N, C-alpha and C. Protein backbone atom coordinates (compact mmCIF):
# COMPACT_ATOMS: atom_id res chain seq x y z
N MET A 1 106.99 94.52 102.35
CA MET A 1 106.90 94.48 100.76
C MET A 1 105.54 93.79 99.84
N LEU A 2 104.66 94.69 99.30
CA LEU A 2 103.00 94.01 99.06
C LEU A 2 103.57 93.05 98.09
N ASP A 3 102.78 92.14 97.57
CA ASP A 3 102.21 90.42 96.82
C ASP A 3 102.60 91.92 95.36
N CYS A 4 101.59 91.99 95.40
CA CYS A 4 101.08 92.59 93.84
C CYS A 4 100.98 94.34 94.12
N LEU A 5 101.59 95.70 92.93
CA LEU A 5 100.80 96.57 92.75
C LEU A 5 100.96 97.00 91.54
N ILE A 6 99.86 97.57 91.34
CA ILE A 6 99.34 98.42 89.71
C ILE A 6 100.02 99.71 89.63
N VAL A 7 100.75 99.81 88.76
CA VAL A 7 100.86 101.56 88.80
C VAL A 7 100.87 102.55 86.99
N GLY A 8 100.54 103.58 86.88
CA GLY A 8 100.67 103.72 85.82
C GLY A 8 98.80 105.32 85.24
N ASP A 9 98.55 104.78 84.07
CA ASP A 9 97.75 105.19 83.39
C ASP A 9 95.84 105.06 83.78
N SER A 10 95.10 105.69 83.17
CA SER A 10 93.77 105.11 83.06
C SER A 10 93.40 103.78 82.58
N ILE A 11 95.03 103.27 82.00
CA ILE A 11 94.43 101.68 81.65
C ILE A 11 94.87 100.70 83.51
N ALA A 12 96.06 101.50 83.58
CA ALA A 12 96.28 100.82 84.75
C ALA A 12 94.91 100.98 85.87
N LEU A 13 94.32 101.82 86.00
CA LEU A 13 93.34 102.22 86.55
C LEU A 13 91.98 101.67 86.83
N GLY A 14 91.74 101.57 85.24
CA GLY A 14 90.84 100.12 84.45
C GLY A 14 91.05 98.68 85.42
N LEU A 15 92.47 98.69 85.35
CA LEU A 15 92.64 97.05 85.97
C LEU A 15 92.13 97.00 87.36
N ALA A 16 92.82 98.16 88.16
CA ALA A 16 93.01 98.58 89.65
C ALA A 16 91.66 98.00 90.14
N VAL A 17 91.12 98.95 89.71
CA VAL A 17 89.24 98.60 89.98
C VAL A 17 88.50 97.71 89.50
N ARG A 18 89.08 96.27 88.83
CA ARG A 18 89.11 95.20 89.07
C ARG A 18 89.44 93.81 89.19
N ILE A 19 90.52 94.25 89.68
CA ILE A 19 92.11 93.26 90.85
C ILE A 19 91.80 93.86 91.96
N ASP A 20 91.06 93.95 93.01
CA ASP A 20 91.07 94.55 93.70
C ASP A 20 92.18 94.14 94.87
N GLU A 21 92.88 92.91 94.67
CA GLU A 21 93.84 92.06 95.72
C GLU A 21 95.18 93.17 96.01
N CYS A 22 95.66 93.81 94.58
CA CYS A 22 96.32 94.81 94.28
C CYS A 22 96.19 95.85 94.61
N PRO A 23 96.95 96.60 95.30
CA PRO A 23 96.70 97.92 95.76
C PRO A 23 97.31 98.60 94.33
N HIS A 24 97.05 99.76 94.48
CA HIS A 24 97.56 100.53 92.83
C HIS A 24 97.90 102.21 93.38
N VAL A 25 98.20 102.56 92.26
CA VAL A 25 98.67 104.12 92.48
C VAL A 25 98.59 104.62 90.58
N ALA A 26 97.09 104.96 90.44
CA ALA A 26 97.01 105.08 88.91
C ALA A 26 96.08 106.16 88.81
N VAL A 27 96.64 107.06 87.75
CA VAL A 27 95.55 108.48 87.76
C VAL A 27 95.59 108.16 85.98
N ASN A 28 94.29 108.47 85.63
CA ASN A 28 93.88 109.16 84.27
C ASN A 28 94.79 110.02 83.75
N GLY A 29 95.44 109.66 82.40
CA GLY A 29 96.73 111.05 81.27
C GLY A 29 97.50 110.67 81.98
N VAL A 30 98.14 110.34 83.19
CA VAL A 30 99.58 110.52 83.22
C VAL A 30 100.90 110.16 82.41
N PRO A 31 101.52 110.81 82.11
CA PRO A 31 102.70 110.36 81.43
C PRO A 31 103.85 109.86 81.78
N SER A 32 104.87 108.72 81.61
CA SER A 32 105.33 107.69 81.78
C SER A 32 106.26 108.09 83.19
N ALA A 33 106.67 109.46 82.72
CA ALA A 33 107.48 110.07 84.08
C ALA A 33 107.26 109.70 85.43
N THR A 34 105.70 110.77 85.09
CA THR A 34 104.80 110.44 86.49
C THR A 34 105.03 108.62 86.94
N VAL A 35 104.11 108.16 85.84
CA VAL A 35 104.38 107.06 86.96
C VAL A 35 105.60 106.21 87.72
N LEU A 36 106.68 107.35 87.05
CA LEU A 36 108.03 106.42 87.70
C LEU A 36 107.79 106.55 89.50
N GLY A 37 107.22 108.03 89.70
CA GLY A 37 107.15 108.12 91.44
C GLY A 37 106.06 107.24 92.06
N TYR A 38 105.33 106.52 90.97
CA TYR A 38 103.98 105.69 91.72
C TYR A 38 104.81 104.35 91.71
N VAL A 39 106.14 103.65 91.54
CA VAL A 39 107.08 102.60 91.63
C VAL A 39 106.84 102.42 93.04
N GLY A 40 106.76 101.32 93.46
CA GLY A 40 106.94 101.19 95.35
C GLY A 40 107.39 99.78 95.43
N PRO A 41 107.98 99.28 96.14
CA PRO A 41 108.45 97.47 96.77
C PRO A 41 107.34 96.90 96.25
N ALA A 42 107.40 95.50 96.00
CA ALA A 42 106.12 94.52 95.17
C ALA A 42 106.55 93.45 94.86
N ALA A 43 106.58 92.38 95.51
CA ALA A 43 106.60 91.00 94.65
C ALA A 43 106.72 91.22 92.84
N VAL A 44 105.56 91.41 92.81
CA VAL A 44 105.13 92.02 91.06
C VAL A 44 104.07 93.62 91.05
N LEU A 45 105.12 94.27 90.06
CA LEU A 45 104.35 95.75 89.46
C LEU A 45 103.86 95.27 88.21
N VAL A 46 103.03 95.52 88.02
CA VAL A 46 102.29 95.66 87.15
C VAL A 46 102.33 97.07 86.82
N VAL A 47 102.43 97.54 85.16
CA VAL A 47 102.70 98.25 84.57
C VAL A 47 101.88 99.36 83.32
N SER A 48 101.85 99.88 83.69
CA SER A 48 101.01 100.89 82.54
C SER A 48 101.08 101.82 82.13
N ALA A 49 102.17 101.88 81.22
CA ALA A 49 103.26 103.74 80.74
C ALA A 49 103.26 103.44 79.35
N GLY A 50 103.11 104.69 79.15
CA GLY A 50 103.63 105.34 77.44
C GLY A 50 102.53 105.57 76.91
N SER A 51 101.19 105.12 77.36
CA SER A 51 99.81 105.24 76.05
C SER A 51 99.56 107.22 76.04
N ASN A 52 100.48 107.61 77.45
CA ASN A 52 99.90 109.39 76.99
C ASN A 52 101.31 109.92 76.68
N ASP A 53 102.38 109.23 76.29
CA ASP A 53 103.05 110.17 76.38
C ASP A 53 104.39 109.32 74.86
N PRO A 54 103.75 108.46 73.90
CA PRO A 54 104.27 107.55 73.06
C PRO A 54 104.86 108.54 72.35
N LEU A 55 105.16 109.84 71.53
CA LEU A 55 106.05 110.01 71.38
C LEU A 55 107.11 110.63 72.13
N ASN A 56 107.02 110.95 72.68
CA ASN A 56 107.91 112.14 73.94
C ASN A 56 109.89 111.25 73.74
N PRO A 57 110.62 111.74 73.59
CA PRO A 57 111.49 111.66 73.03
C PRO A 57 112.57 110.49 74.15
N GLY A 58 112.02 110.58 76.01
CA GLY A 58 112.41 110.17 76.90
C GLY A 58 111.69 109.14 77.11
N LEU A 59 110.47 108.28 76.33
CA LEU A 59 110.00 107.78 77.02
C LEU A 59 110.70 106.00 76.82
N GLU A 60 111.69 106.30 76.22
CA GLU A 60 111.85 104.47 76.87
C GLU A 60 112.99 104.68 77.56
N GLY A 61 113.82 105.98 78.12
CA GLY A 61 114.35 106.75 78.94
C GLY A 61 113.91 106.26 80.65
N ASN A 62 112.02 106.78 80.93
CA ASN A 62 111.36 106.44 81.71
C ASN A 62 111.23 105.07 81.69
N LEU A 63 111.18 104.08 80.67
CA LEU A 63 110.27 102.97 80.76
C LEU A 63 111.56 101.91 81.42
N TRP A 64 113.08 102.32 81.61
CA TRP A 64 113.66 101.67 81.61
C TRP A 64 114.23 102.00 83.45
N ASP A 65 113.92 103.87 83.70
CA ASP A 65 114.19 104.35 85.44
C ASP A 65 112.64 103.56 86.05
N ILE A 66 111.47 103.14 85.20
CA ILE A 66 110.40 102.52 86.39
C ILE A 66 110.87 101.14 86.48
N ARG A 67 111.57 100.39 85.70
CA ARG A 67 112.04 98.90 85.62
C ARG A 67 112.97 98.22 86.50
N THR A 68 113.71 100.31 86.36
CA THR A 68 115.63 99.86 87.21
C THR A 68 114.93 100.49 88.88
N LYS A 69 113.92 100.65 89.01
CA LYS A 69 113.74 100.94 90.18
C LYS A 69 112.11 100.06 90.60
N ALA A 70 111.87 98.91 90.17
CA ALA A 70 111.37 97.74 90.38
C ALA A 70 112.20 97.11 91.66
N SER A 71 111.54 96.48 92.74
CA SER A 71 112.01 95.48 93.32
C SER A 71 111.66 94.59 92.82
N GLY A 72 110.96 93.89 91.90
CA GLY A 72 110.39 92.48 91.76
C GLY A 72 110.72 92.18 90.31
N LYS A 73 109.62 91.10 90.07
CA LYS A 73 109.03 91.08 88.88
C LYS A 73 108.11 91.98 88.12
N VAL A 74 107.80 92.77 87.06
CA VAL A 74 107.53 93.43 85.93
C VAL A 74 106.47 92.75 84.89
N ILE A 75 105.18 93.13 85.23
CA ILE A 75 104.27 92.71 84.13
C ILE A 75 103.70 94.22 83.04
N TRP A 76 103.94 94.20 82.06
CA TRP A 76 103.97 95.17 81.37
C TRP A 76 102.44 95.27 80.70
N ILE A 77 101.74 95.95 80.70
CA ILE A 77 100.64 96.42 79.51
C ILE A 77 100.81 97.14 78.22
N LEU A 78 101.29 96.38 77.58
CA LEU A 78 101.22 96.81 75.96
C LEU A 78 100.34 98.09 75.72
N PRO A 79 100.65 99.00 75.07
CA PRO A 79 99.96 100.57 74.45
C PRO A 79 99.57 100.18 73.33
N MET A 80 99.14 100.92 73.17
CA MET A 80 98.40 100.71 71.69
C MET A 80 99.38 101.21 70.81
N HIS A 81 100.33 102.46 70.41
CA HIS A 81 100.77 103.17 69.97
C HIS A 81 101.75 102.25 69.48
N ALA A 82 102.23 102.21 68.23
CA ALA A 82 103.21 101.38 67.65
C ALA A 82 104.73 102.02 69.07
N ALA A 83 104.79 103.24 68.38
CA ALA A 83 105.91 103.38 69.27
C ALA A 83 106.11 103.47 70.99
N ALA A 84 105.83 103.60 70.95
CA ALA A 84 105.37 103.11 72.90
C ALA A 84 105.26 102.17 72.92
N ALA A 85 104.49 100.58 72.24
CA ALA A 85 104.49 100.17 72.17
C ALA A 85 105.89 99.17 72.29
N GLU A 86 106.79 99.57 71.20
CA GLU A 86 108.26 99.06 70.90
C GLU A 86 109.07 99.14 71.44
N ALA A 87 108.87 100.42 72.85
CA ALA A 87 109.41 100.70 73.67
C ALA A 87 109.64 99.80 74.71
N VAL A 88 108.38 99.37 75.11
CA VAL A 88 107.90 98.61 75.89
C VAL A 88 108.21 97.37 75.84
N GLN A 89 108.64 96.94 74.78
CA GLN A 89 108.73 95.42 73.72
C GLN A 89 110.12 95.50 74.47
N ARG A 90 110.76 96.41 74.15
CA ARG A 90 112.56 95.92 74.33
C ARG A 90 112.78 96.45 75.71
N ILE A 91 112.21 96.94 76.58
CA ILE A 91 112.66 97.08 78.00
C ILE A 91 112.52 96.04 78.34
N ALA A 92 110.78 95.11 78.77
CA ALA A 92 110.83 93.98 79.02
C ALA A 92 111.86 93.16 78.31
N TYR A 93 112.12 93.27 77.18
CA TYR A 93 112.88 91.70 77.09
C TYR A 93 114.13 92.18 77.34
N ALA A 94 115.06 93.44 77.82
CA ALA A 94 116.00 93.83 78.52
C ALA A 94 116.06 92.69 79.72
N PHE A 95 114.78 92.43 80.72
CA PHE A 95 115.12 92.18 81.79
C PHE A 95 114.21 90.83 81.98
N GLY A 96 113.47 90.58 80.77
CA GLY A 96 112.79 89.19 80.75
C GLY A 96 111.41 88.61 81.14
N ASP A 97 110.32 90.35 81.03
CA ASP A 97 109.53 90.56 81.74
C ASP A 97 108.62 90.19 81.09
N LYS A 98 107.47 89.88 81.48
CA LYS A 98 105.80 89.63 80.97
C LYS A 98 105.59 90.68 80.43
N VAL A 99 104.80 90.37 79.43
CA VAL A 99 103.96 91.68 78.80
C VAL A 99 102.18 90.74 78.45
N VAL A 100 101.71 92.01 78.56
CA VAL A 100 100.45 91.65 78.33
C VAL A 100 99.45 92.93 77.16
N GLY A 101 99.22 92.16 75.93
CA GLY A 101 98.34 93.34 75.40
C GLY A 101 96.92 92.97 75.55
N PHE A 102 96.30 93.90 74.79
CA PHE A 102 94.76 93.69 74.03
C PHE A 102 94.03 94.06 72.86
N ALA A 103 93.28 93.76 72.83
CA ALA A 103 92.38 94.72 71.92
C ALA A 103 91.96 95.98 72.28
N ALA A 104 92.27 96.98 71.08
CA ALA A 104 91.27 98.14 71.36
C ALA A 104 90.16 98.56 71.57
N GLY A 105 89.81 99.46 72.50
CA GLY A 105 87.93 99.98 71.87
C GLY A 105 88.34 100.91 71.11
N THR A 106 87.32 101.56 70.70
CA THR A 106 87.10 102.33 69.82
C THR A 106 87.90 103.58 70.04
N ASP A 107 88.26 103.87 71.37
CA ASP A 107 89.10 105.17 70.83
C ASP A 107 90.92 105.26 70.48
N ASN A 108 90.98 103.01 70.35
CA ASN A 108 91.91 102.86 69.95
C ASN A 108 93.25 102.87 71.16
N VAL A 109 93.38 103.18 72.50
CA VAL A 109 94.32 103.60 73.37
C VAL A 109 93.69 102.39 74.82
N HIS A 110 92.41 102.47 74.91
CA HIS A 110 92.11 101.46 76.00
C HIS A 110 91.18 99.72 75.56
N PRO A 111 91.49 98.95 76.31
CA PRO A 111 91.00 98.01 76.05
C PRO A 111 89.56 98.18 75.81
N ALA A 112 89.05 97.44 74.48
CA ALA A 112 88.11 97.07 74.59
C ALA A 112 86.94 96.28 75.41
N HIS A 113 87.48 95.47 76.19
CA HIS A 113 86.91 94.47 77.20
C HIS A 113 88.25 93.82 77.88
N TYR A 114 87.94 94.82 78.96
CA TYR A 114 88.58 94.45 80.96
C TYR A 114 88.74 93.37 80.75
N GLU A 115 86.84 92.45 80.76
CA GLU A 115 86.49 91.24 81.24
C GLU A 115 87.54 90.32 80.42
N ILE A 116 88.37 90.70 79.25
CA ILE A 116 89.28 89.56 78.67
C ILE A 116 90.59 89.83 79.01
N LEU A 117 91.51 90.84 79.32
CA LEU A 117 92.61 91.47 80.15
C LEU A 117 92.45 91.29 81.10
N VAL A 118 91.51 91.69 82.63
CA VAL A 118 91.95 90.92 83.83
C VAL A 118 92.32 89.83 83.57
N PRO A 119 91.50 88.64 83.53
CA PRO A 119 91.78 87.15 83.70
C PRO A 119 93.73 87.25 83.14
N GLN A 120 93.55 88.09 82.40
CA GLN A 120 95.30 87.58 81.54
C GLN A 120 96.62 88.14 82.77
N VAL A 121 96.03 89.57 83.41
CA VAL A 121 97.06 89.61 83.83
C VAL A 121 96.52 89.20 85.18
N ARG A 122 95.86 88.78 85.98
CA ARG A 122 95.20 87.70 87.05
C ARG A 122 96.83 86.54 87.28
N GLN A 123 96.55 85.82 86.15
CA GLN A 123 97.32 84.91 85.58
C GLN A 123 99.13 85.42 85.49
N ALA A 124 98.86 86.50 85.15
CA ALA A 124 100.33 86.52 84.70
C ALA A 124 101.07 87.16 86.56
N ILE A 125 100.18 87.63 87.03
CA ILE A 125 100.12 88.30 88.38
C ILE A 125 100.54 86.95 89.54
N ALA A 126 99.73 85.94 89.32
CA ALA A 126 100.13 84.44 90.08
C ALA A 126 101.14 83.63 89.06
N ALA A 127 101.52 83.90 88.10
CA ALA A 127 102.60 83.04 88.07
C ALA A 127 103.46 83.85 88.08
N ALA A 128 103.86 84.77 88.23
CA ALA A 128 104.58 85.34 88.90
C ALA A 128 105.17 85.76 90.28
N LEU A 129 104.26 85.72 90.96
CA LEU A 129 104.06 85.16 92.67
C LEU A 129 104.52 84.03 92.77
N ALA A 130 103.88 83.00 91.82
CA ALA A 130 104.93 81.36 92.39
C ALA A 130 106.18 81.42 91.56
N GLY A 131 106.67 82.07 90.92
CA GLY A 131 107.88 82.60 90.78
C GLY A 131 108.96 82.88 91.70
N HIS A 132 108.47 83.93 92.41
CA HIS A 132 108.91 84.58 93.33
C HIS A 132 109.08 83.68 94.18
N ALA A 133 107.94 83.09 94.44
CA ALA A 133 108.13 81.91 95.83
C ALA A 133 108.99 80.95 95.49
N SER A 134 109.49 80.76 94.79
CA SER A 134 110.36 79.00 94.50
C SER A 134 111.68 79.86 94.32
N ASN A 135 111.64 80.95 94.21
CA ASN A 135 113.39 81.24 94.21
C ASN A 135 113.86 82.19 95.63
């Protein structure tokens, strides 16, 4: 089992190239149903999903399936779209997961500054791994 794995869309890909200690499966433009297929065994799973299908009626179900497929702790990257963000927050709350948000750039989808988001995600991964080690 991996310590950490980053899965998801272009936001996950942007994180993954900057957090090289975590392997990744991330592709630009993928919907949440596709992200489900990327989930693998890891002590900590970082997920960015929902930005590409925020109005999909099946989004919350897809997020639920991603979460239940995860074998360890999950850190969610909060999408900027309000409906997608609410769905992510409901799933995270149901499982006691960490959610990390960011300030959007000019496209209102991607982070304005990965230099701010990356340390927050690294800190969340470290805290989750520390909690995993004590269990």
